[in-house]
Amino acid sequence: MLAYYLALTWSFRFINKKH
């Protein structure tokens, strides 16, 4: 479960930084 949350937050952060 933690991995899922981490991946989600990481993806969100990556997208936010790319924007």
N, C-alpha and C. Protein backbone atom coordinates (compact mmCIF):
# COMPACT_ATOMS: atom_id res chain seq x y z
N MET A 1 0.84 -1.20 0.00
CA MET A 1 0.00 0.00 0.00
C MET A 1 0.89 1.26 0.00
N LEU A 2 1.93 1.22 0.79
CA LEU A 2 2.80 2.39 0.87
C LEU A 2 3.45 2.68 -0.49
N ALA A 3 3.83 1.59 -1.16
CA ALA A 3 4.45 1.75 -2.48
C ALA A 3 3.50 2.47 -3.42
N TYR A 4 2.23 2.11 -3.34
CA TYR A 4 1.23 2.73 -4.22
C TYR A 4 1.15 4.22 -3.94
N TYR A 5 1.08 4.56 -2.67
CA TYR A 5 0.99 5.97 -2.27
C TYR A 5 2.25 6.72 -2.72
N LEU A 6 3.38 6.10 -2.50
CA LEU A 6 4.64 6.73 -2.88
C LEU A 6 4.69 6.97 -4.39
N ALA A 7 4.30 5.96 -5.15
CA ALA A 7 4.31 6.08 -6.61
C ALA A 7 3.36 7.19 -7.04
N LEU A 8 2.22 7.25 -6.40
CA LEU A 8 1.23 8.27 -6.76
C LEU A 8 1.78 9.67 -6.48
N THR A 9 2.32 9.86 -5.29
CA THR A 9 2.86 11.16 -4.93
C THR A 9 4.04 11.51 -5.83
N TRP A 10 4.88 10.53 -6.11
CA TRP A 10 6.04 10.77 -6.97
C TRP A 10 5.58 11.20 -8.35
N SER A 11 4.58 10.48 -8.87
CA SER A 11 4.05 10.80 -10.21
C SER A 11 3.47 12.21 -10.21
N PHE A 12 2.71 12.51 -9.18
CA PHE A 12 2.09 13.83 -9.09
C PHE A 12 3.15 14.92 -9.04
N ARG A 13 4.17 14.69 -8.25
CA ARG A 13 5.25 15.68 -8.09
C ARG A 13 5.98 15.84 -9.43
N PHE A 14 6.22 14.73 -10.09
CA PHE A 14 6.92 14.78 -11.37
C PHE A 14 6.12 15.59 -12.39
N ILE A 15 4.81 15.34 -12.43
CA ILE A 15 3.94 16.05 -13.37
C ILE A 15 3.90 17.53 -13.01
N ASN A 16 3.85 17.81 -11.73
CA ASN A 16 3.78 19.20 -11.28
C ASN A 16 5.07 19.93 -11.66
N LYS A 17 6.19 19.27 -11.52
CA LYS A 17 7.47 19.89 -11.84
C LYS A 17 7.58 20.12 -13.35
N LYS A 18 7.02 19.18 -14.12
CA LYS A 18 7.11 19.29 -15.58
C LYS A 18 6.24 20.43 -16.07
N HIS A 19 5.17 20.68 -15.38
CA HIS A 19 4.24 21.72 -15.81
C HIS A 19 4.92 23.07 -15.72
